[in-house]
Amino acid sequence: MTKAGERSVETVEKVNGGAGFIMKEALLTPEQLGEHCKMFSKVILKPNCELGHHEHHDETETYYILSGKGMYDDDGKAVPVEAGDVTFCEDGKGHGMKNTGSEDLEFVALILKK
């Protein structure tokens, strides 16, 4: 178990060609993820920052929106998202996310390997 504030937050600029930066907090250690989970992290996008469009191969990715508002790129289709929404990127498809609001956009990202 880890408590809020005990985990480190990594800031990464221009992820997948997106504007600005993302802040990523790994919620589990690599050892805890196991063989089928590639990532389980909380992601924060500041206003006007984005996670650029990218594809997934031999894996899927789900976002659970915790707070804020944004525009989700669902394999080329723009879809507005807000707190409580869940997105799903199928194996072989692509997606991205942009914070279009005035507050932080926070979501949990889960990547599962096939």
PDB file of N, CA and C in Angstrom:
ATOM      1  N   MET A   1       0.830  -1.180   0.000  1.00  0.00           N
ATOM      2  CA  MET A   1       0.000   0.000   0.000  1.00  0.00           C
ATOM      3  C   MET A   1       0.872   1.240   0.000  1.00  0.00           C
ATOM      4  N   THR A   2       0.416   2.248  -0.720  1.00  0.00           N
ATOM      5  CA  THR A   2       1.066   3.551  -0.654  1.00  0.00           C
ATOM      6  C   THR A   2      -0.006   4.589  -0.353  1.00  0.00           C
ATOM      7  N   LYS A   3       0.394   5.655   0.305  1.00  0.00           N
ATOM      8  CA  LYS A   3      -0.520   6.732   0.657  1.00  0.00           C
ATOM      9  C   LYS A   3      -0.300   7.894  -0.310  1.00  0.00           C
ATOM     10  N   ALA A   4      -1.369   8.673  -0.489  1.00  0.00           N
ATOM     11  CA  ALA A   4      -1.257   9.885  -1.310  1.00  0.00           C
ATOM     12  C   ALA A   4      -0.111  10.729  -0.769  1.00  0.00           C
ATOM     13  N   GLY A   5       0.688  11.261  -1.652  1.00  0.00           N
ATOM     14  CA  GLY A   5       1.822  12.074  -1.255  1.00  0.00           C
ATOM     15  C   GLY A   5       3.109  11.289  -1.090  1.00  0.00           C
ATOM     16  N   GLU A   6       3.019   9.952  -1.050  1.00  0.00           N
ATOM     17  CA  GLU A   6       4.214   9.116  -0.914  1.00  0.00           C
ATOM     18  C   GLU A   6       4.793   8.707  -2.267  1.00  0.00           C
ATOM     19  N   ARG A   7       3.971   8.785  -3.322  1.00  0.00           N
ATOM     20  CA  ARG A   7       4.413   8.373  -4.657  1.00  0.00           C
ATOM     21  C   ARG A   7       5.031   9.563  -5.387  1.00  0.00           C
ATOM     22  N   SER A   8       5.983   9.289  -6.267  1.00  0.00           N
ATOM     23  CA  SER A   8       6.603  10.369  -7.032  1.00  0.00           C
ATOM     24  C   SER A   8       5.778  10.676  -8.287  1.00  0.00           C
ATOM     25  N   VAL A   9       5.831  11.933  -8.695  1.00  0.00           N
ATOM     26  CA  VAL A   9       5.131  12.402  -9.889  1.00  0.00           C
ATOM     27  C   VAL A   9       6.183  12.796 -10.919  1.00  0.00           C
ATOM     28  N   GLU A  10       6.073  12.200 -12.097  1.00  0.00           N
ATOM     29  CA  GLU A  10       7.011  12.453 -13.196  1.00  0.00           C
ATOM     30  C   GLU A  10       6.376  13.448 -14.164  1.00  0.00           C
ATOM     31  N   THR A  11       7.107  14.490 -14.533  1.00  0.00           N
ATOM     32  CA  THR A  11       6.647  15.456 -15.527  1.00  0.00           C
ATOM     33  C   THR A  11       7.349  15.157 -16.844  1.00  0.00           C
ATOM     34  N   VAL A  12       6.551  14.971 -17.901  1.00  0.00           N
ATOM     35  CA  VAL A  12       7.097  14.624 -19.210  1.00  0.00           C
ATOM     36  C   VAL A  12       6.549  15.620 -20.244  1.00  0.00           C
ATOM     37  N   GLU A  13       7.437  16.225 -21.014  1.00  0.00           N
ATOM     38  CA  GLU A  13       7.030  17.224 -22.007  1.00  0.00           C
ATOM     39  C   GLU A  13       6.729  16.599 -23.360  1.00  0.00           C
ATOM     40  N   LYS A  14       5.777  17.214 -24.052  1.00  0.00           N
ATOM     41  CA  LYS A  14       5.425  16.887 -25.446  1.00  0.00           C
ATOM     42  C   LYS A  14       5.236  15.379 -25.684  1.00  0.00           C
ATOM     43  N   VAL A  15       4.437  14.739 -24.830  1.00  0.00           N
ATOM     44  CA  VAL A  15       4.215  13.291 -24.940  1.00  0.00           C
ATOM     45  C   VAL A  15       3.466  12.980 -26.237  1.00  0.00           C
ATOM     46  N   ASN A  16       4.040  12.121 -27.043  1.00  0.00           N
ATOM     47  CA  ASN A  16       3.493  11.748 -28.349  1.00  0.00           C
ATOM     48  C   ASN A  16       3.212  12.968 -29.223  1.00  0.00           C
ATOM     49  N   GLY A  17       4.045  13.984 -29.093  1.00  0.00           N
ATOM     50  CA  GLY A  17       3.909  15.191 -29.909  1.00  0.00           C
ATOM     51  C   GLY A  17       2.869  16.176 -29.408  1.00  0.00           C
ATOM     52  N   GLY A  18       2.275  15.909 -28.245  1.00  0.00           N
ATOM     53  CA  GLY A  18       1.254  16.796 -27.695  1.00  0.00           C
ATOM     54  C   GLY A  18       1.846  18.082 -27.140  1.00  0.00           C
ATOM     55  N   ALA A  19       0.997  19.099 -27.023  1.00  0.00           N
ATOM     56  CA  ALA A  19       1.417  20.403 -26.516  1.00  0.00           C
ATOM     57  C   ALA A  19       1.640  20.352 -25.005  1.00  0.00           C
ATOM     58  N   GLY A  20       2.615  21.097 -24.529  1.00  0.00           N
ATOM     59  CA  GLY A  20       2.850  21.211 -23.098  1.00  0.00           C
ATOM     60  C   GLY A  20       3.447  19.963 -22.483  1.00  0.00           C
ATOM     61  N   PHE A  21       2.901  19.567 -21.350  1.00  0.00           N
ATOM     62  CA  PHE A  21       3.463  18.454 -20.588  1.00  0.00           C
ATOM     63  C   PHE A  21       2.345  17.699 -19.874  1.00  0.00           C
ATOM     64  N   ILE A  22       2.690  16.491 -19.416  1.00  0.00           N
ATOM     65  CA  ILE A  22       1.785  15.726 -18.563  1.00  0.00           C
ATOM     66  C   ILE A  22       2.506  15.464 -17.249  1.00  0.00           C
ATOM     67  N   MET A  23       1.724  15.214 -16.209  1.00  0.00           N
ATOM     68  CA  MET A  23       2.262  14.801 -14.916  1.00  0.00           C
ATOM     69  C   MET A  23       1.710  13.404 -14.663  1.00  0.00           C
ATOM     70  N   LYS A  24       2.598  12.439 -14.430  1.00  0.00           N
ATOM     71  CA  LYS A  24       2.195  11.039 -14.304  1.00  0.00           C
ATOM     72  C   LYS A  24       2.671  10.478 -12.971  1.00  0.00           C
ATOM     73  N   GLU A  25       1.725   9.873 -12.242  1.00  0.00           N
ATOM     74  CA  GLU A  25       2.012   9.280 -10.943  1.00  0.00           C
ATOM     75  C   GLU A  25       1.705   7.789 -11.010  1.00  0.00           C
ATOM     76  N   ALA A  26       2.728   6.957 -10.984  1.00  0.00           N
ATOM     77  CA  ALA A  26       2.533   5.507 -11.002  1.00  0.00           C
ATOM     78  C   ALA A  26       1.860   5.093  -9.698  1.00  0.00           C
ATOM     79  N   LEU A  27       0.721   4.398  -9.803  1.00  0.00           N
ATOM     80  CA  LEU A  27      -0.025   3.978  -8.620  1.00  0.00           C
ATOM     81  C   LEU A  27       0.434   2.624  -8.094  1.00  0.00           C
ATOM     82  N   LEU A  28       1.103   1.846  -8.942  1.00  0.00           N
ATOM     83  CA  LEU A  28       1.690   0.568  -8.555  1.00  0.00           C
ATOM     84  C   LEU A  28       3.138   0.514  -9.029  1.00  0.00           C
ATOM     85  N   THR A  29       3.954  -0.268  -8.342  1.00  0.00           N
ATOM     86  CA  THR A  29       5.336  -0.462  -8.768  1.00  0.00           C
ATOM     87  C   THR A  29       5.358  -1.424  -9.960  1.00  0.00           C
ATOM     88  N   PRO A  30       6.435  -1.453 -10.724  1.00  0.00           N
ATOM     89  CA  PRO A  30       6.528  -2.421 -11.822  1.00  0.00           C
ATOM     90  C   PRO A  30       6.321  -3.862 -11.351  1.00  0.00           C
ATOM     91  N   GLU A  31       6.806  -4.196 -10.172  1.00  0.00           N
ATOM     92  CA  GLU A  31       6.639  -5.549  -9.641  1.00  0.00           C
ATOM     93  C   GLU A  31       5.163  -5.854  -9.339  1.00  0.00           C
ATOM     94  N   GLN A  32       4.434  -4.870  -8.878  1.00  0.00           N
ATOM     95  CA  GLN A  32       3.018  -5.045  -8.554  1.00  0.00           C
ATOM     96  C   GLN A  32       2.136  -5.141  -9.796  1.00  0.00           C
ATOM     97  N   LEU A  33       2.584  -4.574 -10.910  1.00  0.00           N
ATOM     98  CA  LEU A  33       1.774  -4.573 -12.129  1.00  0.00           C
ATOM     99  C   LEU A  33       1.535  -5.981 -12.672  1.00  0.00           C
ATOM    100  N   GLY A  34       2.502  -6.864 -12.493  1.00  0.00           N
ATOM    101  CA  GLY A  34       2.359  -8.223 -13.006  1.00  0.00           C
ATOM    102  C   GLY A  34       2.635  -8.289 -14.495  1.00  0.00           C
ATOM    103  N   GLU A  35       2.341  -9.435 -15.095  1.00  0.00           N
ATOM    104  CA  GLU A  35       2.705  -9.646 -16.496  1.00  0.00           C
ATOM    105  C   GLU A  35       1.704  -9.070 -17.486  1.00  0.00           C
ATOM    106  N   HIS A  36       0.470  -8.809 -17.088  1.00  0.00           N
ATOM    107  CA  HIS A  36      -0.548  -8.346 -18.034  1.00  0.00           C
ATOM    108  C   HIS A  36      -0.870  -6.858 -17.934  1.00  0.00           C
ATOM    109  N   CYS A  37      -0.373  -6.194 -16.916  1.00  0.00           N
ATOM    110  CA  CYS A  37      -0.641  -4.767 -16.740  1.00  0.00           C
ATOM    111  C   CYS A  37       0.631  -3.980 -17.026  1.00  0.00           C
ATOM    112  N   LYS A  38       0.572  -3.131 -18.028  1.00  0.00           N
ATOM    113  CA  LYS A  38       1.747  -2.339 -18.406  1.00  0.00           C
ATOM    114  C   LYS A  38       1.810  -1.029 -17.616  1.00  0.00           C
ATOM    115  N   MET A  39       0.617  -0.450 -17.316  1.00  0.00           N
ATOM    116  CA  MET A  39       0.603   0.826 -16.607  1.00  0.00           C
ATOM    117  C   MET A  39      -0.703   1.000 -15.852  1.00  0.00           C
ATOM    118  N   PHE A  40      -0.612   1.528 -14.646  1.00  0.00           N
ATOM    119  CA  PHE A  40      -1.754   1.932 -13.836  1.00  0.00           C
ATOM    120  C   PHE A  40      -1.316   3.214 -13.154  1.00  0.00           C
ATOM    121  N   SER A  41      -1.699   4.365 -13.729  1.00  0.00           N
ATOM    122  CA  SER A  41      -1.187   5.649 -13.275  1.00  0.00           C
ATOM    123  C   SER A  41      -2.268   6.716 -13.246  1.00  0.00           C
ATOM    124  N   LYS A  42      -2.046   7.716 -12.393  1.00  0.00           N
ATOM    125  CA  LYS A  42      -2.867   8.919 -12.408  1.00  0.00           C
ATOM    126  C   LYS A  42      -2.136   9.920 -13.299  1.00  0.00           C
ATOM    127  N   VAL A  43      -2.882  10.528 -14.217  1.00  0.00           N
ATOM    128  CA  VAL A  43      -2.306  11.500 -15.150  1.00  0.00           C
ATOM    129  C   VAL A  43      -2.992  12.843 -14.942  1.00  0.00           C
ATOM    130  N   ILE A  44      -2.204  13.907 -14.933  1.00  0.00           N
ATOM    131  CA  ILE A  44      -2.740  15.257 -14.806  1.00  0.00           C
ATOM    132  C   ILE A  44      -2.312  16.059 -16.024  1.00  0.00           C
ATOM    133  N   LEU A  45      -3.304  16.678 -16.669  1.00  0.00           N
ATOM    134  CA  LEU A  45      -3.049  17.609 -17.767  1.00  0.00           C
ATOM    135  C   LEU A  45      -3.471  19.002 -17.310  1.00  0.00           C
ATOM    136  N   LYS A  46      -2.549  19.936 -17.319  1.00  0.00           N
ATOM    137  CA  LYS A  46      -2.864  21.333 -17.011  1.00  0.00           C
ATOM    138  C   LYS A  46      -3.658  21.916 -18.189  1.00  0.00           C
ATOM    139  N   PRO A  47      -4.355  23.040 -17.986  1.00  0.00           N
ATOM    140  CA  PRO A  47      -5.103  23.652 -19.089  1.00  0.00           C
ATOM    141  C   PRO A  47      -4.229  23.843 -20.335  1.00  0.00           C
ATOM    142  N   ASN A  48      -4.797  23.511 -21.489  1.00  0.00           N
ATOM    143  CA  ASN A  48      -4.159  23.603 -22.807  1.00  0.00           C
ATOM    144  C   ASN A  48      -3.034  22.594 -23.051  1.00  0.00           C
ATOM    145  N   CYS A  49      -2.784  21.703 -22.113  1.00  0.00           N
ATOM    146  CA  CYS A  49      -1.781  20.652 -22.330  1.00  0.00           C
ATOM    147  C   CYS A  49      -2.483  19.423 -22.902  1.00  0.00           C
ATOM    148  N   GLU A  50      -1.708  18.587 -23.580  1.00  0.00           N
ATOM    149  CA  GLU A  50      -2.315  17.405 -24.186  1.00  0.00           C
ATOM    150  C   GLU A  50      -1.365  16.217 -24.223  1.00  0.00           C
ATOM    151  N   LEU A  51      -1.990  15.067 -24.293  1.00  0.00           N
ATOM    152  CA  LEU A  51      -1.316  13.796 -24.515  1.00  0.00           C
ATOM    153  C   LEU A  51      -1.591  13.487 -25.977  1.00  0.00           C
ATOM    154  N   GLY A  52      -0.571  13.568 -26.821  1.00  0.00           N
ATOM    155  CA  GLY A  52      -0.749  13.444 -28.261  1.00  0.00           C
ATOM    156  C   GLY A  52      -1.293  12.090 -28.701  1.00  0.00           C
ATOM    157  N   HIS A  53      -1.875  12.079 -29.890  1.00  0.00           N
ATOM    158  CA  HIS A  53      -2.453  10.866 -30.475  1.00  0.00           C
ATOM    159  C   HIS A  53      -1.372   9.795 -30.613  1.00  0.00           C
ATOM    160  N   HIS A  54      -1.710   8.572 -30.182  1.00  0.00           N
ATOM    161  CA  HIS A  54      -0.795   7.434 -30.282  1.00  0.00           C
ATOM    162  C   HIS A  54      -1.617   6.161 -30.415  1.00  0.00           C
ATOM    163  N   GLU A  55      -1.006   5.131 -30.964  1.00  0.00           N
ATOM    164  CA  GLU A  55      -1.692   3.859 -31.178  1.00  0.00           C
ATOM    165  C   GLU A  55      -1.236   2.816 -30.166  1.00  0.00           C
ATOM    166  N   HIS A  56      -2.105   1.837 -29.957  1.00  0.00           N
ATOM    167  CA  HIS A  56      -1.777   0.715 -29.074  1.00  0.00           C
ATOM    168  C   HIS A  56      -1.811  -0.576 -29.883  1.00  0.00           C
ATOM    169  N   HIS A  57      -0.772  -1.380 -29.717  1.00  0.00           N
ATOM    170  CA  HIS A  57      -0.672  -2.662 -30.410  1.00  0.00           C
ATOM    171  C   HIS A  57      -0.394  -3.749 -29.371  1.00  0.00           C
ATOM    172  N   ASP A  58      -1.207  -4.800 -29.398  1.00  0.00           N
ATOM    173  CA  ASP A  58      -1.120  -5.904 -28.440  1.00  0.00           C
ATOM    174  C   ASP A  58      -1.422  -5.454 -27.013  1.00  0.00           C
ATOM    175  N   GLU A  59      -2.236  -4.388 -26.896  1.00  0.00           N
ATOM    176  CA  GLU A  59      -2.654  -3.887 -25.603  1.00  0.00           C
ATOM    177  C   GLU A  59      -3.857  -2.969 -25.766  1.00  0.00           C
ATOM    178  N   THR A  60      -4.527  -2.674 -24.657  1.00  0.00           N
ATOM    179  CA  THR A  60      -5.638  -1.726 -24.645  1.00  0.00           C
ATOM    180  C   THR A  60      -5.342  -0.659 -23.598  1.00  0.00           C
ATOM    181  N   GLU A  61      -6.023   0.482 -23.698  1.00  0.00           N
ATOM    182  CA  GLU A  61      -5.861   1.508 -22.667  1.00  0.00           C
ATOM    183  C   GLU A  61      -7.219   2.108 -22.328  1.00  0.00           C
ATOM    184  N   THR A  62      -7.453   2.241 -21.032  1.00  0.00           N
ATOM    185  CA  THR A  62      -8.680   2.813 -20.502  1.00  0.00           C
ATOM    186  C   THR A  62      -8.332   4.047 -19.683  1.00  0.00           C
ATOM    187  N   TYR A  63      -9.134   5.114 -19.839  1.00  0.00           N
ATOM    188  CA  TYR A  63      -9.019   6.301 -18.996  1.00  0.00           C
ATOM    189  C   TYR A  63     -10.299   6.433 -18.180  1.00  0.00           C
ATOM    190  N   TYR A  64     -10.159   6.691 -16.886  1.00  0.00           N
ATOM    191  CA  TYR A  64     -11.287   7.016 -16.017  1.00  0.00           C
ATOM    192  C   TYR A  64     -11.083   8.460 -15.580  1.00  0.00           C
ATOM    193  N   ILE A  65     -11.971   9.351 -16.033  1.00  0.00           N
ATOM    194  CA  ILE A  65     -11.814  10.785 -15.772  1.00  0.00           C
ATOM    195  C   ILE A  65     -12.232  11.088 -14.335  1.00  0.00           C
ATOM    196  N   LEU A  66     -11.306  11.637 -13.557  1.00  0.00           N
ATOM    197  CA  LEU A  66     -11.554  11.970 -12.155  1.00  0.00           C
ATOM    198  C   LEU A  66     -12.089  13.387 -11.989  1.00  0.00           C
ATOM    199  N   SER A  67     -11.512  14.340 -12.719  1.00  0.00           N
ATOM    200  CA  SER A  67     -11.935  15.736 -12.608  1.00  0.00           C
ATOM    201  C   SER A  67     -11.498  16.507 -13.842  1.00  0.00           C
ATOM    202  N   GLY A  68     -12.176  17.623 -14.070  1.00  0.00           N
ATOM    203  CA  GLY A  68     -11.851  18.480 -15.202  1.00  0.00           C
ATOM    204  C   GLY A  68     -12.633  18.114 -16.451  1.00  0.00           C
ATOM    205  N   LYS A  69     -12.310  18.835 -17.528  1.00  0.00           N
ATOM    206  CA  LYS A  69     -12.960  18.621 -18.821  1.00  0.00           C
ATOM    207  C   LYS A  69     -11.904  18.592 -19.907  1.00  0.00           C
ATOM    208  N   GLY A  70     -12.199  17.834 -20.955  1.00  0.00           N
ATOM    209  CA  GLY A  70     -11.243  17.760 -22.039  1.00  0.00           C
ATOM    210  C   GLY A  70     -11.871  17.246 -23.312  1.00  0.00           C
ATOM    211  N   MET A  71     -11.014  17.084 -24.312  1.00  0.00           N
ATOM    212  CA  MET A  71     -11.418  16.539 -25.599  1.00  0.00           C
ATOM    213  C   MET A  71     -10.592  15.278 -25.825  1.00  0.00           C
ATOM    214  N   TYR A  72     -11.311  14.159 -25.949  1.00  0.00           N
ATOM    215  CA  TYR A  72     -10.677  12.863 -26.164  1.00  0.00           C
ATOM    216  C   TYR A  72     -10.638  12.592 -27.657  1.00  0.00           C
ATOM    217  N   ASP A  73      -9.490  12.207 -28.168  1.00  0.00           N
ATOM    218  CA  ASP A  73      -9.317  11.823 -29.562  1.00  0.00           C
ATOM    219  C   ASP A  73      -9.529  10.311 -29.641  1.00  0.00           C
ATOM    220  N   ASP A  74     -10.713   9.913 -30.090  1.00  0.00           N
ATOM    221  CA  ASP A  74     -11.078   8.490 -30.179  1.00  0.00           C
ATOM    222  C   ASP A  74     -10.802   7.999 -31.594  1.00  0.00           C
ATOM    223  N   ASP A  75      -9.534   7.651 -31.848  1.00  0.00           N
ATOM    224  CA  ASP A  75      -9.097   7.170 -33.167  1.00  0.00           C
ATOM    225  C   ASP A  75      -9.487   8.142 -34.273  1.00  0.00           C
ATOM    226  N   GLY A  76      -9.274   9.449 -33.998  1.00  0.00           N
ATOM    227  CA  GLY A  76      -9.530  10.489 -34.993  1.00  0.00           C
ATOM    228  C   GLY A  76     -10.839  11.230 -34.818  1.00  0.00           C
ATOM    229  N   LYS A  77     -11.700  10.782 -33.914  1.00  0.00           N
ATOM    230  CA  LYS A  77     -12.980  11.445 -33.658  1.00  0.00           C
ATOM    231  C   LYS A  77     -12.889  12.183 -32.323  1.00  0.00           C
ATOM    232  N   ALA A  78     -13.186  13.487 -32.324  1.00  0.00           N
ATOM    233  CA  ALA A  78     -13.136  14.299 -31.108  1.00  0.00           C
ATOM    234  C   ALA A  78     -14.394  14.077 -30.269  1.00  0.00           C
ATOM    235  N   VAL A  79     -14.197  13.725 -29.003  1.00  0.00           N
ATOM    236  CA  VAL A  79     -15.308  13.443 -28.088  1.00  0.00           C
ATOM    237  C   VAL A  79     -15.066  14.209 -26.786  1.00  0.00           C
ATOM    238  N   PRO A  80     -16.000  15.088 -26.372  1.00  0.00           N
ATOM    239  CA  PRO A  80     -15.822  15.788 -25.093  1.00  0.00           C
ATOM    240  C   PRO A  80     -15.936  14.812 -23.922  1.00  0.00           C
ATOM    241  N   VAL A  81     -15.096  15.007 -22.892  1.00  0.00           N
ATOM    242  CA  VAL A  81     -15.122  14.159 -21.704  1.00  0.00           C
ATOM    243  C   VAL A  81     -15.117  15.028 -20.455  1.00  0.00           C
ATOM    244  N   GLU A  82     -15.655  14.451 -19.370  1.00  0.00           N
ATOM    245  CA  GLU A  82     -15.680  15.136 -18.079  1.00  0.00           C
ATOM    246  C   GLU A  82     -15.646  14.092 -16.972  1.00  0.00           C
ATOM    247  N   ALA A  83     -15.595  14.553 -15.727  1.00  0.00           N
ATOM    248  CA  ALA A  83     -15.502  13.663 -14.572  1.00  0.00           C
ATOM    249  C   ALA A  83     -16.577  12.584 -14.620  1.00  0.00           C
ATOM    250  N   GLY A  84     -16.147  11.348 -14.376  1.00  0.00           N
ATOM    251  CA  GLY A  84     -17.042  10.202 -14.374  1.00  0.00           C
ATOM    252  C   GLY A  84     -17.046   9.424 -15.673  1.00  0.00           C
ATOM    253  N   ASP A  85     -16.563  10.018 -16.767  1.00  0.00           N
ATOM    254  CA  ASP A  85     -16.528   9.333 -18.061  1.00  0.00           C
ATOM    255  C   ASP A  85     -15.393   8.308 -18.087  1.00  0.00           C
ATOM    256  N   VAL A  86     -15.601   7.263 -18.888  1.00  0.00           N
ATOM    257  CA  VAL A  86     -14.580   6.234 -19.100  1.00  0.00           C
ATOM    258  C   VAL A  86     -14.371   6.086 -20.598  1.00  0.00           C
ATOM    259  N   THR A  87     -13.120   6.125 -21.032  1.00  0.00           N
ATOM    260  CA  THR A  87     -12.793   5.907 -22.445  1.00  0.00           C
ATOM    261  C   THR A  87     -12.078   4.565 -22.574  1.00  0.00           C
ATOM    262  N   PHE A  88     -12.127   3.994 -23.764  1.00  0.00           N
ATOM    263  CA  PHE A  88     -11.469   2.710 -24.004  1.00  0.00           C
ATOM    264  C   PHE A  88     -10.857   2.719 -25.392  1.00  0.00           C
ATOM    265  N   CYS A  89      -9.558   2.476 -25.472  1.00  0.00           N
ATOM    266  CA  CYS A  89      -8.858   2.386 -26.744  1.00  0.00           C
ATOM    267  C   CYS A  89      -8.547   0.916 -27.012  1.00  0.00           C
ATOM    268  N   GLU A  90      -9.162   0.387 -28.068  1.00  0.00           N
ATOM    269  CA  GLU A  90      -8.980  -1.016 -28.434  1.00  0.00           C
ATOM    270  C   GLU A  90      -7.581  -1.280 -28.983  1.00  0.00           C
ATOM    271  N   ASP A  91      -7.178  -2.519 -28.935  1.00  0.00           N
ATOM    272  CA  ASP A  91      -5.939  -2.978 -29.551  1.00  0.00           C
ATOM    273  C   ASP A  91      -5.973  -2.616 -31.035  1.00  0.00           C
ATOM    274  N   GLY A  92      -4.919  -1.983 -31.521  1.00  0.00           N
ATOM    275  CA  GLY A  92      -4.825  -1.610 -32.924  1.00  0.00           C
ATOM    276  C   GLY A  92      -5.398  -0.247 -33.253  1.00  0.00           C
ATOM    277  N   LYS A  93      -5.969   0.441 -32.289  1.00  0.00           N
ATOM    278  CA  LYS A  93      -6.557   1.781 -32.490  1.00  0.00           C
ATOM    279  C   LYS A  93      -5.671   2.818 -31.812  1.00  0.00           C
ATOM    280  N   GLY A  94      -6.031   4.098 -32.013  1.00  0.00           N
ATOM    281  CA  GLY A  94      -5.271   5.192 -31.428  1.00  0.00           C
ATOM    282  C   GLY A  94      -6.157   6.160 -30.671  1.00  0.00           C
ATOM    283  N   HIS A  95      -5.510   6.959 -29.825  1.00  0.00           N
ATOM    284  CA  HIS A  95      -6.242   7.951 -29.045  1.00  0.00           C
ATOM    285  C   HIS A  95      -5.300   9.019 -28.513  1.00  0.00           C
ATOM    286  N   GLY A  96      -5.882  10.046 -27.899  1.00  0.00           N
ATOM    287  CA  GLY A  96      -5.141  11.123 -27.263  1.00  0.00           C
ATOM    288  C   GLY A  96      -6.102  11.909 -26.387  1.00  0.00           C
ATOM    289  N   MET A  97      -5.589  12.906 -25.657  1.00  0.00           N
ATOM    290  CA  MET A  97      -6.425  13.679 -24.750  1.00  0.00           C
ATOM    291  C   MET A  97      -5.873  15.096 -24.642  1.00  0.00           C
ATOM    292  N   LYS A  98      -6.788  16.083 -24.647  1.00  0.00           N
ATOM    293  CA  LYS A  98      -6.399  17.482 -24.465  1.00  0.00           C
ATOM    294  C   LYS A  98      -7.270  18.104 -23.396  1.00  0.00           C
ATOM    295  N   ASN A  99      -6.644  18.873 -22.512  1.00  0.00           N
ATOM    296  CA  ASN A  99      -7.385  19.620 -21.507  1.00  0.00           C
ATOM    297  C   ASN A  99      -7.918  20.889 -22.167  1.00  0.00           C
ATOM    298  N   THR A 100      -9.224  20.977 -22.318  1.00  0.00           N
ATOM    299  CA  THR A 100      -9.866  22.137 -22.935  1.00  0.00           C
ATOM    300  C   THR A 100     -10.528  23.036 -21.891  1.00  0.00           C
ATOM    301  N   GLY A 101     -10.392  22.670 -20.613  1.00  0.00           N
ATOM    302  CA  GLY A 101     -11.011  23.442 -19.538  1.00  0.00           C
ATOM    303  C   GLY A 101     -10.048  24.421 -18.901  1.00  0.00           C
ATOM    304  N   SER A 102     -10.514  25.052 -17.836  1.00  0.00           N
ATOM    305  CA  SER A 102      -9.696  26.040 -17.119  1.00  0.00           C
ATOM    306  C   SER A 102      -9.066  25.461 -15.850  1.00  0.00           C
ATOM    307  N   GLU A 103      -9.409  24.205 -15.523  1.00  0.00           N
ATOM    308  CA  GLU A 103      -8.842  23.522 -14.362  1.00  0.00           C
ATOM    309  C   GLU A 103      -8.079  22.282 -14.819  1.00  0.00           C
ATOM    310  N   ASP A 104      -7.316  21.698 -13.917  1.00  0.00           N
ATOM    311  CA  ASP A 104      -6.584  20.474 -14.253  1.00  0.00           C
ATOM    312  C   ASP A 104      -7.547  19.374 -14.695  1.00  0.00           C
ATOM    313  N   LEU A 105      -7.135  18.600 -15.687  1.00  0.00           N
ATOM    314  CA  LEU A 105      -7.850  17.399 -16.119  1.00  0.00           C
ATOM    315  C   LEU A 105      -7.087  16.226 -15.528  1.00  0.00           C
ATOM    316  N   GLU A 106      -7.748  15.468 -14.647  1.00  0.00           N
ATOM    317  CA  GLU A 106      -7.105  14.340 -13.975  1.00  0.00           C
ATOM    318  C   GLU A 106      -7.813  13.054 -14.349  1.00  0.00           C
ATOM    319  N   PHE A 107      -7.032  12.018 -14.660  1.00  0.00           N
ATOM    320  CA  PHE A 107      -7.624  10.729 -14.977  1.00  0.00           C
ATOM    321  C   PHE A 107      -6.680   9.595 -14.599  1.00  0.00           C
ATOM    322  N   VAL A 108      -7.263   8.409 -14.410  1.00  0.00           N
ATOM    323  CA  VAL A 108      -6.490   7.207 -14.175  1.00  0.00           C
ATOM    324  C   VAL A 108      -6.356   6.492 -15.517  1.00  0.00           C
ATOM    325  N   ALA A 109      -5.137   6.110 -15.866  1.00  0.00           N
ATOM    326  CA  ALA A 109      -4.848   5.401 -17.106  1.00  0.00           C
ATOM    327  C   ALA A 109      -4.425   3.974 -16.778  1.00  0.00           C
ATOM    328  N   LEU A 110      -5.044   3.019 -17.495  1.00  0.00           N
ATOM    329  CA  LEU A 110      -4.764   1.608 -17.301  1.00  0.00           C
ATOM    330  C   LEU A 110      -4.440   0.967 -18.640  1.00  0.00           C
ATOM    331  N   ILE A 111      -3.227   0.440 -18.791  1.00  0.00           N
ATOM    332  CA  ILE A 111      -2.839  -0.265 -20.018  1.00  0.00           C
ATOM    333  C   ILE A 111      -2.717  -1.749 -19.682  1.00  0.00           C
ATOM    334  N   LEU A 112      -3.509  -2.567 -20.402  1.00  0.00           N
ATOM    335  CA  LEU A 112      -3.466  -4.010 -20.229  1.00  0.00           C
ATOM    336  C   LEU A 112      -2.910  -4.660 -21.483  1.00  0.00           C
ATOM    337  N   LYS A 113      -1.945  -5.560 -21.308  1.00  0.00           N
ATOM    338  CA  LYS A 113      -1.341  -6.281 -22.425  1.00  0.00           C
ATOM    339  C   LYS A 113      -2.230  -7.446 -22.832  1.00  0.00           C
ATOM    340  N   LYS A 114      -2.239  -7.740 -24.129  1.00  0.00           N
ATOM    341  CA  LYS A 114      -3.011  -8.879 -24.658  1.00  0.00           C
ATOM    342  C   LYS A 114      -2.299 -10.173 -24.343  1.00  0.00           C
TER     343      LYS A 114
END
